[in-house]
N, C-alpha and C. Protein backbone atom coordinates (compact mmCIF):
# COMPACT_ATOMS: atom_id res chain seq x y z
N UNK A 1 7.03 -168.90 -23.45
CA UNK A 1 8.37 -168.40 -23.71
C UNK A 1 9.36 -169.54 -23.54
N UNK A 2 10.08 -169.93 -24.59
CA UNK A 2 11.02 -171.03 -24.47
C UNK A 2 12.23 -170.64 -23.61
N UNK A 3 12.59 -171.56 -22.77
CA UNK A 3 13.78 -171.39 -21.94
C UNK A 3 14.64 -172.62 -22.13
N UNK A 4 15.92 -172.41 -22.39
CA UNK A 4 16.85 -173.51 -22.55
C UNK A 4 17.93 -173.35 -21.51
N UNK A 5 18.15 -174.40 -20.75
CA UNK A 5 19.23 -174.39 -19.77
C UNK A 5 20.09 -175.61 -20.02
N UNK A 6 21.35 -175.46 -19.79
CA UNK A 6 22.30 -176.55 -19.98
C UNK A 6 23.22 -176.56 -18.78
N UNK A 7 23.32 -177.71 -18.14
CA UNK A 7 24.21 -177.82 -16.98
C UNK A 7 25.37 -178.71 -17.34
N UNK A 8 26.56 -178.26 -16.95
CA UNK A 8 27.76 -179.02 -17.23
C UNK A 8 28.72 -178.83 -16.08
N UNK A 9 29.30 -179.93 -15.61
CA UNK A 9 30.31 -179.83 -14.56
C UNK A 9 31.55 -179.18 -15.15
N UNK A 10 32.03 -178.17 -14.51
CA UNK A 10 33.21 -177.45 -14.99
C UNK A 10 34.40 -177.92 -14.16
N UNK A 11 35.37 -178.52 -14.83
CA UNK A 11 36.49 -179.09 -14.08
C UNK A 11 37.35 -178.07 -13.34
N UNK A 12 37.45 -176.86 -13.86
CA UNK A 12 38.36 -175.90 -13.24
C UNK A 12 37.88 -174.47 -13.45
N UNK A 13 38.04 -173.67 -12.43
CA UNK A 13 37.68 -172.26 -12.46
C UNK A 13 38.94 -171.46 -12.19
N UNK A 14 39.26 -170.54 -13.09
CA UNK A 14 40.41 -169.65 -12.91
C UNK A 14 39.92 -168.22 -12.88
N UNK A 15 40.67 -167.37 -12.20
CA UNK A 15 40.36 -165.94 -12.19
C UNK A 15 41.61 -165.19 -12.62
N UNK A 16 41.46 -164.35 -13.64
CA UNK A 16 42.54 -163.49 -14.10
C UNK A 16 42.24 -162.07 -13.66
N UNK A 17 43.22 -161.39 -13.09
CA UNK A 17 43.11 -159.97 -12.76
C UNK A 17 43.79 -159.19 -13.87
N UNK A 18 43.12 -158.17 -14.39
CA UNK A 18 43.61 -157.44 -15.55
C UNK A 18 43.52 -155.94 -15.30
N UNK A 19 44.52 -155.18 -15.73
CA UNK A 19 44.48 -153.73 -15.71
C UNK A 19 44.70 -153.25 -17.14
N UNK A 20 43.77 -152.42 -17.62
CA UNK A 20 43.86 -151.86 -18.97
C UNK A 20 43.99 -150.34 -18.84
N UNK A 21 45.00 -149.77 -19.49
CA UNK A 21 45.28 -148.33 -19.36
C UNK A 21 45.62 -147.70 -20.70
N UNK A 22 45.80 -146.39 -20.66
CA UNK A 22 46.41 -145.62 -21.75
C UNK A 22 45.74 -145.80 -23.11
N UNK A 23 44.41 -145.77 -23.13
CA UNK A 23 43.71 -145.84 -24.41
C UNK A 23 43.54 -147.23 -24.97
N UNK A 24 43.76 -148.26 -24.15
CA UNK A 24 43.57 -149.64 -24.63
C UNK A 24 42.12 -149.83 -25.07
N UNK A 25 41.93 -150.50 -26.19
CA UNK A 25 40.60 -150.86 -26.68
C UNK A 25 40.14 -152.07 -25.88
N UNK A 26 39.01 -151.94 -25.16
CA UNK A 26 38.56 -153.02 -24.27
C UNK A 26 38.32 -154.32 -25.02
N UNK A 27 37.60 -154.27 -26.14
CA UNK A 27 37.31 -155.50 -26.88
C UNK A 27 38.59 -156.16 -27.40
N UNK A 28 39.47 -155.36 -27.97
CA UNK A 28 40.71 -155.90 -28.52
C UNK A 28 41.57 -156.51 -27.42
N UNK A 29 41.71 -155.80 -26.29
CA UNK A 29 42.54 -156.30 -25.19
C UNK A 29 41.96 -157.59 -24.62
N UNK A 30 40.65 -157.63 -24.41
CA UNK A 30 40.03 -158.85 -23.86
C UNK A 30 40.10 -160.01 -24.85
N UNK A 31 40.01 -159.72 -26.14
CA UNK A 31 40.16 -160.77 -27.15
C UNK A 31 41.57 -161.35 -27.10
N UNK A 32 42.58 -160.48 -27.02
CA UNK A 32 43.97 -160.96 -26.95
C UNK A 32 44.20 -161.78 -25.69
N UNK A 33 43.63 -161.35 -24.56
CA UNK A 33 43.76 -162.10 -23.31
C UNK A 33 43.09 -163.46 -23.45
N UNK A 34 41.90 -163.50 -24.05
CA UNK A 34 41.18 -164.76 -24.23
C UNK A 34 41.98 -165.72 -25.11
N UNK A 35 42.59 -165.20 -26.17
CA UNK A 35 43.39 -166.05 -27.05
C UNK A 35 44.65 -166.55 -26.33
N UNK A 36 45.33 -165.66 -25.64
CA UNK A 36 46.57 -166.04 -24.94
C UNK A 36 46.32 -167.07 -23.84
N UNK A 37 45.20 -166.92 -23.12
CA UNK A 37 44.92 -167.78 -21.98
C UNK A 37 43.91 -168.88 -22.31
N UNK A 38 43.61 -169.09 -23.59
CA UNK A 38 42.73 -170.17 -24.05
C UNK A 38 41.39 -170.16 -23.32
N UNK A 39 40.74 -168.99 -23.32
CA UNK A 39 39.45 -168.83 -22.65
C UNK A 39 38.33 -169.07 -23.66
N UNK A 40 37.44 -170.01 -23.34
CA UNK A 40 36.29 -170.30 -24.20
C UNK A 40 34.97 -169.97 -23.52
N UNK A 41 35.01 -169.73 -22.21
CA UNK A 41 33.80 -169.34 -21.46
C UNK A 41 34.25 -168.57 -20.23
N UNK A 42 33.75 -167.34 -20.08
CA UNK A 42 34.15 -166.52 -18.92
C UNK A 42 33.13 -165.44 -18.67
N UNK A 43 33.15 -164.97 -17.43
CA UNK A 43 32.39 -163.80 -17.01
C UNK A 43 33.41 -162.71 -16.69
N UNK A 44 33.13 -161.49 -17.11
CA UNK A 44 34.04 -160.36 -16.87
C UNK A 44 33.31 -159.33 -16.00
N UNK A 45 33.98 -158.90 -14.93
CA UNK A 45 33.49 -157.80 -14.09
C UNK A 45 34.53 -156.70 -14.15
N UNK A 46 34.09 -155.44 -14.29
CA UNK A 46 35.08 -154.36 -14.38
C UNK A 46 34.58 -153.06 -13.78
N UNK A 47 35.55 -152.27 -13.33
CA UNK A 47 35.34 -150.91 -12.83
C UNK A 47 36.48 -150.06 -13.34
N UNK A 48 36.31 -148.75 -13.32
CA UNK A 48 37.40 -147.86 -13.71
C UNK A 48 36.91 -146.69 -14.52
N UNK A 49 37.81 -146.17 -15.35
CA UNK A 49 37.50 -144.99 -16.14
C UNK A 49 37.77 -145.21 -17.61
N UNK A 50 36.96 -144.56 -18.44
CA UNK A 50 37.11 -144.63 -19.89
C UNK A 50 37.39 -143.26 -20.46
N UNK A 51 38.00 -143.24 -21.65
CA UNK A 51 38.19 -142.01 -22.41
C UNK A 51 37.08 -141.82 -23.44
N UNK A 52 36.56 -142.95 -23.92
CA UNK A 52 35.55 -142.90 -24.98
C UNK A 52 34.76 -144.21 -24.97
N UNK A 53 33.49 -144.12 -25.34
CA UNK A 53 32.65 -145.31 -25.46
C UNK A 53 31.61 -145.08 -26.54
N UNK A 54 31.25 -146.16 -27.22
CA UNK A 54 30.11 -146.15 -28.15
C UNK A 54 29.15 -147.23 -27.68
N UNK A 55 27.91 -146.82 -27.45
CA UNK A 55 26.86 -147.74 -27.00
C UNK A 55 25.90 -147.97 -28.16
N UNK A 56 25.51 -149.23 -28.36
CA UNK A 56 24.59 -149.56 -29.45
C UNK A 56 23.41 -150.37 -28.92
N UNK A 57 22.37 -150.33 -29.71
CA UNK A 57 21.16 -151.06 -29.37
C UNK A 57 20.65 -151.71 -30.64
N UNK A 58 20.12 -152.93 -30.52
CA UNK A 58 19.51 -153.60 -31.65
C UNK A 58 18.01 -153.36 -31.59
N UNK A 59 17.45 -152.94 -32.71
CA UNK A 59 16.00 -152.76 -32.82
C UNK A 59 15.39 -154.15 -32.89
N UNK A 60 14.65 -154.55 -31.86
CA UNK A 60 14.12 -155.91 -31.82
C UNK A 60 13.09 -156.17 -32.92
N UNK A 61 12.43 -155.13 -33.40
CA UNK A 61 11.43 -155.30 -34.47
C UNK A 61 12.08 -155.62 -35.80
N UNK A 62 13.22 -154.97 -36.10
CA UNK A 62 13.87 -155.17 -37.40
C UNK A 62 15.13 -156.04 -37.34
N UNK A 63 15.71 -156.16 -36.13
CA UNK A 63 16.96 -156.90 -35.99
C UNK A 63 18.18 -156.09 -36.39
N UNK A 64 17.97 -154.82 -36.74
CA UNK A 64 19.08 -153.97 -37.17
C UNK A 64 19.63 -153.17 -35.99
N UNK A 65 20.93 -152.94 -36.02
CA UNK A 65 21.54 -152.10 -35.00
C UNK A 65 21.21 -150.64 -35.26
N UNK A 66 20.88 -149.93 -34.20
CA UNK A 66 20.63 -148.50 -34.30
C UNK A 66 21.98 -147.79 -34.35
N UNK A 67 22.03 -146.54 -34.82
CA UNK A 67 23.30 -145.80 -34.82
C UNK A 67 23.86 -145.70 -33.40
N UNK A 68 25.17 -145.81 -33.26
CA UNK A 68 25.76 -145.78 -31.92
C UNK A 68 25.67 -144.39 -31.28
N UNK A 69 25.60 -144.39 -29.96
CA UNK A 69 25.72 -143.16 -29.18
C UNK A 69 27.17 -143.10 -28.73
N UNK A 70 27.90 -142.09 -29.17
CA UNK A 70 29.33 -141.99 -28.88
C UNK A 70 29.57 -140.89 -27.86
N UNK A 71 30.34 -141.21 -26.83
CA UNK A 71 30.70 -140.26 -25.78
C UNK A 71 32.21 -140.18 -25.73
N UNK A 72 32.77 -139.00 -26.00
CA UNK A 72 34.22 -138.75 -25.95
C UNK A 72 34.48 -137.81 -24.79
N UNK A 73 34.70 -138.40 -23.63
CA UNK A 73 34.93 -137.64 -22.40
C UNK A 73 35.31 -138.64 -21.32
N UNK A 74 35.71 -138.14 -20.17
CA UNK A 74 35.98 -139.06 -19.06
C UNK A 74 34.66 -139.64 -18.57
N UNK A 75 34.60 -140.95 -18.48
CA UNK A 75 33.42 -141.66 -18.01
C UNK A 75 33.86 -142.64 -16.93
N UNK A 76 33.12 -142.68 -15.84
CA UNK A 76 33.42 -143.60 -14.75
C UNK A 76 32.54 -144.84 -14.89
N UNK A 77 33.17 -146.02 -14.88
CA UNK A 77 32.41 -147.26 -14.93
C UNK A 77 31.90 -147.53 -13.52
N UNK A 78 30.58 -147.45 -13.35
CA UNK A 78 30.02 -147.74 -12.03
C UNK A 78 29.46 -149.16 -11.97
N UNK A 79 29.40 -149.81 -13.11
CA UNK A 79 29.02 -151.21 -13.19
C UNK A 79 29.38 -151.73 -14.55
N UNK A 80 30.19 -152.77 -14.59
CA UNK A 80 30.59 -153.34 -15.87
C UNK A 80 30.59 -154.85 -15.82
N UNK A 81 29.93 -155.45 -16.78
CA UNK A 81 29.92 -156.91 -16.84
C UNK A 81 29.90 -157.35 -18.29
N UNK A 82 30.37 -158.56 -18.48
CA UNK A 82 30.39 -159.09 -19.83
C UNK A 82 30.66 -160.58 -19.82
N UNK A 83 30.71 -161.12 -21.02
CA UNK A 83 30.96 -162.55 -21.18
C UNK A 83 31.94 -162.75 -22.32
N UNK A 84 32.72 -163.79 -22.19
CA UNK A 84 33.60 -164.23 -23.27
C UNK A 84 33.10 -165.61 -23.68
N UNK A 85 32.84 -165.77 -24.97
CA UNK A 85 32.46 -167.06 -25.52
C UNK A 85 33.11 -167.15 -26.90
N UNK A 86 32.71 -168.13 -27.69
CA UNK A 86 33.29 -168.30 -29.01
C UNK A 86 32.25 -168.02 -30.09
N UNK A 87 32.70 -167.37 -31.15
CA UNK A 87 31.87 -167.14 -32.34
C UNK A 87 32.79 -167.30 -33.53
N UNK A 88 32.43 -168.20 -34.44
CA UNK A 88 33.29 -168.52 -35.59
C UNK A 88 34.70 -168.92 -35.13
N UNK A 89 34.78 -169.69 -34.07
CA UNK A 89 36.01 -170.25 -33.51
C UNK A 89 36.98 -169.22 -32.97
N UNK A 90 36.53 -168.00 -32.74
CA UNK A 90 37.38 -166.97 -32.14
C UNK A 90 36.64 -166.38 -30.93
N UNK A 91 37.40 -165.78 -29.99
CA UNK A 91 36.74 -165.20 -28.82
C UNK A 91 35.78 -164.08 -29.21
N UNK A 92 34.62 -164.10 -28.57
CA UNK A 92 33.60 -163.07 -28.76
C UNK A 92 33.42 -162.36 -27.43
N UNK A 93 33.61 -161.06 -27.41
CA UNK A 93 33.49 -160.26 -26.20
C UNK A 93 32.15 -159.55 -26.22
N UNK A 94 31.34 -159.76 -25.19
CA UNK A 94 30.02 -159.14 -25.08
C UNK A 94 30.01 -158.34 -23.78
N UNK A 95 30.01 -157.01 -23.90
CA UNK A 95 30.12 -156.12 -22.73
C UNK A 95 28.92 -155.20 -22.61
N UNK A 96 28.51 -155.00 -21.37
CA UNK A 96 27.51 -153.99 -21.02
C UNK A 96 28.09 -153.16 -19.89
N UNK A 97 27.95 -151.84 -19.98
CA UNK A 97 28.48 -150.95 -18.96
C UNK A 97 27.43 -149.95 -18.50
N UNK A 98 27.49 -149.62 -17.22
CA UNK A 98 26.77 -148.49 -16.67
C UNK A 98 27.83 -147.46 -16.34
N UNK A 99 27.66 -146.25 -16.87
CA UNK A 99 28.68 -145.21 -16.78
C UNK A 99 28.09 -143.93 -16.20
N UNK A 100 28.95 -143.15 -15.56
CA UNK A 100 28.53 -141.85 -15.02
C UNK A 100 29.57 -140.80 -15.39
N UNK A 101 29.10 -139.56 -15.52
CA UNK A 101 30.01 -138.44 -15.71
C UNK A 101 29.39 -137.19 -15.10
N UNK A 102 30.26 -136.27 -14.69
CA UNK A 102 29.77 -135.02 -14.12
C UNK A 102 29.16 -134.18 -15.22
N UNK A 103 27.99 -133.57 -14.89
CA UNK A 103 27.24 -132.81 -15.87
C UNK A 103 26.59 -131.64 -15.14
N UNK A 104 27.18 -130.46 -15.26
CA UNK A 104 26.70 -129.28 -14.54
C UNK A 104 25.27 -128.91 -14.94
N UNK A 105 24.85 -129.31 -16.13
CA UNK A 105 23.50 -128.97 -16.58
C UNK A 105 22.43 -129.92 -16.05
N UNK A 106 22.85 -131.04 -15.50
CA UNK A 106 21.89 -131.99 -14.94
C UNK A 106 21.50 -131.53 -13.54
N UNK A 107 20.28 -131.79 -13.15
CA UNK A 107 19.75 -131.35 -11.87
C UNK A 107 20.67 -131.69 -10.69
N UNK A 108 21.24 -132.89 -10.68
CA UNK A 108 22.09 -133.32 -9.57
C UNK A 108 23.58 -133.31 -9.91
N UNK A 109 23.92 -132.83 -11.08
CA UNK A 109 25.32 -132.69 -11.46
C UNK A 109 25.97 -133.95 -12.00
N UNK A 110 25.19 -135.01 -12.18
CA UNK A 110 25.74 -136.28 -12.69
C UNK A 110 24.76 -136.87 -13.70
N UNK A 111 25.30 -137.41 -14.77
CA UNK A 111 24.50 -138.14 -15.76
C UNK A 111 24.94 -139.59 -15.74
N UNK A 112 23.98 -140.49 -15.79
CA UNK A 112 24.26 -141.94 -15.83
C UNK A 112 23.72 -142.48 -17.15
N UNK A 113 24.55 -143.24 -17.85
CA UNK A 113 24.18 -143.85 -19.12
C UNK A 113 24.60 -145.31 -19.08
N UNK A 114 24.16 -146.08 -20.02
CA UNK A 114 24.59 -147.47 -20.06
C UNK A 114 24.04 -148.20 -21.26
N UNK A 115 24.57 -149.39 -21.47
CA UNK A 115 24.08 -150.22 -22.55
C UNK A 115 25.13 -151.16 -23.07
N UNK A 116 24.84 -151.67 -24.27
CA UNK A 116 25.72 -152.61 -24.96
C UNK A 116 26.89 -151.83 -25.57
N UNK A 117 28.09 -152.28 -25.32
CA UNK A 117 29.29 -151.56 -25.75
C UNK A 117 29.73 -152.01 -27.14
N UNK A 118 29.76 -151.08 -28.09
CA UNK A 118 30.30 -151.36 -29.42
C UNK A 118 31.81 -151.24 -29.38
N UNK A 119 32.31 -150.19 -28.72
CA UNK A 119 33.74 -150.07 -28.46
C UNK A 119 33.95 -149.13 -27.28
N UNK A 120 35.10 -149.28 -26.66
CA UNK A 120 35.45 -148.41 -25.53
C UNK A 120 36.96 -148.36 -25.40
N UNK A 121 37.47 -147.18 -25.04
CA UNK A 121 38.90 -147.03 -24.79
C UNK A 121 39.11 -146.70 -23.32
N UNK A 122 40.08 -147.38 -22.75
CA UNK A 122 40.33 -147.28 -21.31
C UNK A 122 41.18 -146.08 -20.97
N UNK A 123 40.87 -145.46 -19.86
CA UNK A 123 41.81 -144.57 -19.18
C UNK A 123 42.55 -145.44 -18.17
N UNK A 124 41.81 -146.04 -17.25
CA UNK A 124 42.34 -147.03 -16.30
C UNK A 124 41.17 -147.92 -15.89
N UNK A 125 41.23 -149.18 -16.29
CA UNK A 125 40.15 -150.14 -16.01
C UNK A 125 40.75 -151.37 -15.34
N UNK A 126 40.10 -151.79 -14.26
CA UNK A 126 40.48 -153.03 -13.58
C UNK A 126 39.37 -154.05 -13.82
N UNK A 127 39.77 -155.27 -14.17
CA UNK A 127 38.77 -156.30 -14.46
C UNK A 127 39.19 -157.62 -13.85
N UNK A 128 38.19 -158.38 -13.45
CA UNK A 128 38.37 -159.77 -13.05
C UNK A 128 37.68 -160.62 -14.09
N UNK A 129 38.41 -161.60 -14.61
CA UNK A 129 37.87 -162.52 -15.61
C UNK A 129 37.76 -163.89 -14.96
N UNK A 130 36.54 -164.36 -14.78
CA UNK A 130 36.28 -165.68 -14.19
C UNK A 130 36.15 -166.67 -15.33
N UNK A 131 37.17 -167.52 -15.49
CA UNK A 131 37.23 -168.47 -16.60
C UNK A 131 36.70 -169.82 -16.16
N UNK A 132 35.92 -170.45 -17.03
CA UNK A 132 35.36 -171.76 -16.74
C UNK A 132 35.95 -172.76 -17.73
N UNK A 133 37.10 -173.32 -17.35
CA UNK A 133 37.80 -174.26 -18.22
C UNK A 133 36.97 -175.53 -18.41
N UNK A 134 37.01 -176.04 -19.61
CA UNK A 134 36.26 -177.24 -19.93
C UNK A 134 34.87 -176.94 -20.46
N UNK A 135 34.45 -175.69 -20.42
CA UNK A 135 33.15 -175.28 -20.94
C UNK A 135 33.40 -174.40 -22.16
N UNK A 136 32.82 -174.77 -23.28
CA UNK A 136 32.94 -173.96 -24.49
C UNK A 136 31.55 -173.44 -24.84
N UNK A 137 31.36 -172.14 -24.70
CA UNK A 137 30.11 -171.50 -25.08
C UNK A 137 30.28 -171.00 -26.51
N UNK A 138 29.51 -171.59 -27.43
CA UNK A 138 29.67 -171.28 -28.85
C UNK A 138 28.42 -170.56 -29.35
N UNK A 139 28.63 -169.40 -29.96
CA UNK A 139 27.53 -168.60 -30.49
C UNK A 139 27.22 -169.04 -31.92
N UNK A 140 25.92 -169.22 -32.18
CA UNK A 140 25.41 -169.57 -33.50
C UNK A 140 24.24 -168.65 -33.80
N UNK A 141 23.97 -168.37 -35.06
CA UNK A 141 22.80 -167.55 -35.38
C UNK A 141 21.52 -168.25 -34.89
N UNK A 142 20.69 -167.50 -34.18
CA UNK A 142 19.42 -168.02 -33.69
C UNK A 142 18.35 -167.67 -34.72
N UNK A 143 17.57 -168.67 -35.13
CA UNK A 143 16.61 -168.44 -36.23
C UNK A 143 15.46 -167.53 -35.84
N UNK A 144 15.10 -167.45 -34.58
CA UNK A 144 13.98 -166.59 -34.17
C UNK A 144 14.41 -165.14 -33.98
N UNK A 145 15.56 -164.94 -33.34
CA UNK A 145 15.97 -163.57 -33.02
C UNK A 145 16.93 -162.99 -34.05
N UNK A 146 17.62 -163.86 -34.80
CA UNK A 146 18.62 -163.39 -35.73
C UNK A 146 19.94 -163.04 -35.06
N UNK A 147 19.99 -163.19 -33.73
CA UNK A 147 21.19 -162.85 -32.98
C UNK A 147 22.10 -164.06 -32.82
N UNK A 148 23.40 -163.83 -32.68
CA UNK A 148 24.30 -164.96 -32.39
C UNK A 148 24.20 -165.31 -30.91
N UNK A 149 23.45 -166.35 -30.58
CA UNK A 149 23.25 -166.77 -29.22
C UNK A 149 24.00 -168.08 -28.95
N UNK A 150 24.20 -168.39 -27.67
CA UNK A 150 24.86 -169.64 -27.32
C UNK A 150 24.03 -170.81 -27.84
N UNK A 151 24.69 -171.73 -28.46
CA UNK A 151 24.04 -172.93 -28.98
C UNK A 151 24.06 -173.99 -27.88
N UNK A 152 23.04 -173.95 -27.01
CA UNK A 152 22.96 -174.92 -25.92
C UNK A 152 22.24 -176.18 -26.35
N UNK A 153 21.38 -176.06 -27.34
CA UNK A 153 20.69 -177.20 -27.97
C UNK A 153 20.60 -176.86 -29.45
N UNK A 154 19.57 -177.33 -30.11
CA UNK A 154 19.40 -177.03 -31.53
C UNK A 154 19.26 -175.54 -31.80
N UNK A 155 18.75 -174.79 -30.84
CA UNK A 155 18.61 -173.35 -30.98
C UNK A 155 18.15 -172.78 -29.67
N UNK A 156 18.77 -171.72 -29.22
CA UNK A 156 18.50 -171.18 -27.89
C UNK A 156 17.05 -170.73 -27.73
N UNK A 157 16.50 -170.10 -28.74
CA UNK A 157 15.10 -169.61 -28.63
C UNK A 157 14.20 -170.32 -29.64
N UNK A 158 14.67 -171.44 -30.16
CA UNK A 158 13.89 -172.17 -31.18
C UNK A 158 12.71 -172.87 -30.56
């Protein structure tokens, strides 16, 4: 299994605290923040509540995205993480969330779901964005997986 690692001294680390409310689109808001604050590499941690989310999965056999699972209800983010990098010279937001909601039909009254976020709208979300200035993570199509992966060398999984 090929593994590619790249080490680079990062001259500066910044942390932005962000609150997203009132139906804000998470991807759109984080993209605007990345553009405004010139973020090219960051880790995002978040907690809070959502009004709606669509989770998607890529079929590894075909490389095609499966139809999204859409949830339109109050959802609590019990674990949220993501990355900001560049794709086609613009910020690319990659988010994964673990979510919970009350479900009277479930044995314990709670359902937990999670996955790759296609879109999400905030009720009230708090996030910390750890920015790594001087590091530009650029996504390029990977020839083996077909996914836009960080170009750390000639190809991440090549």
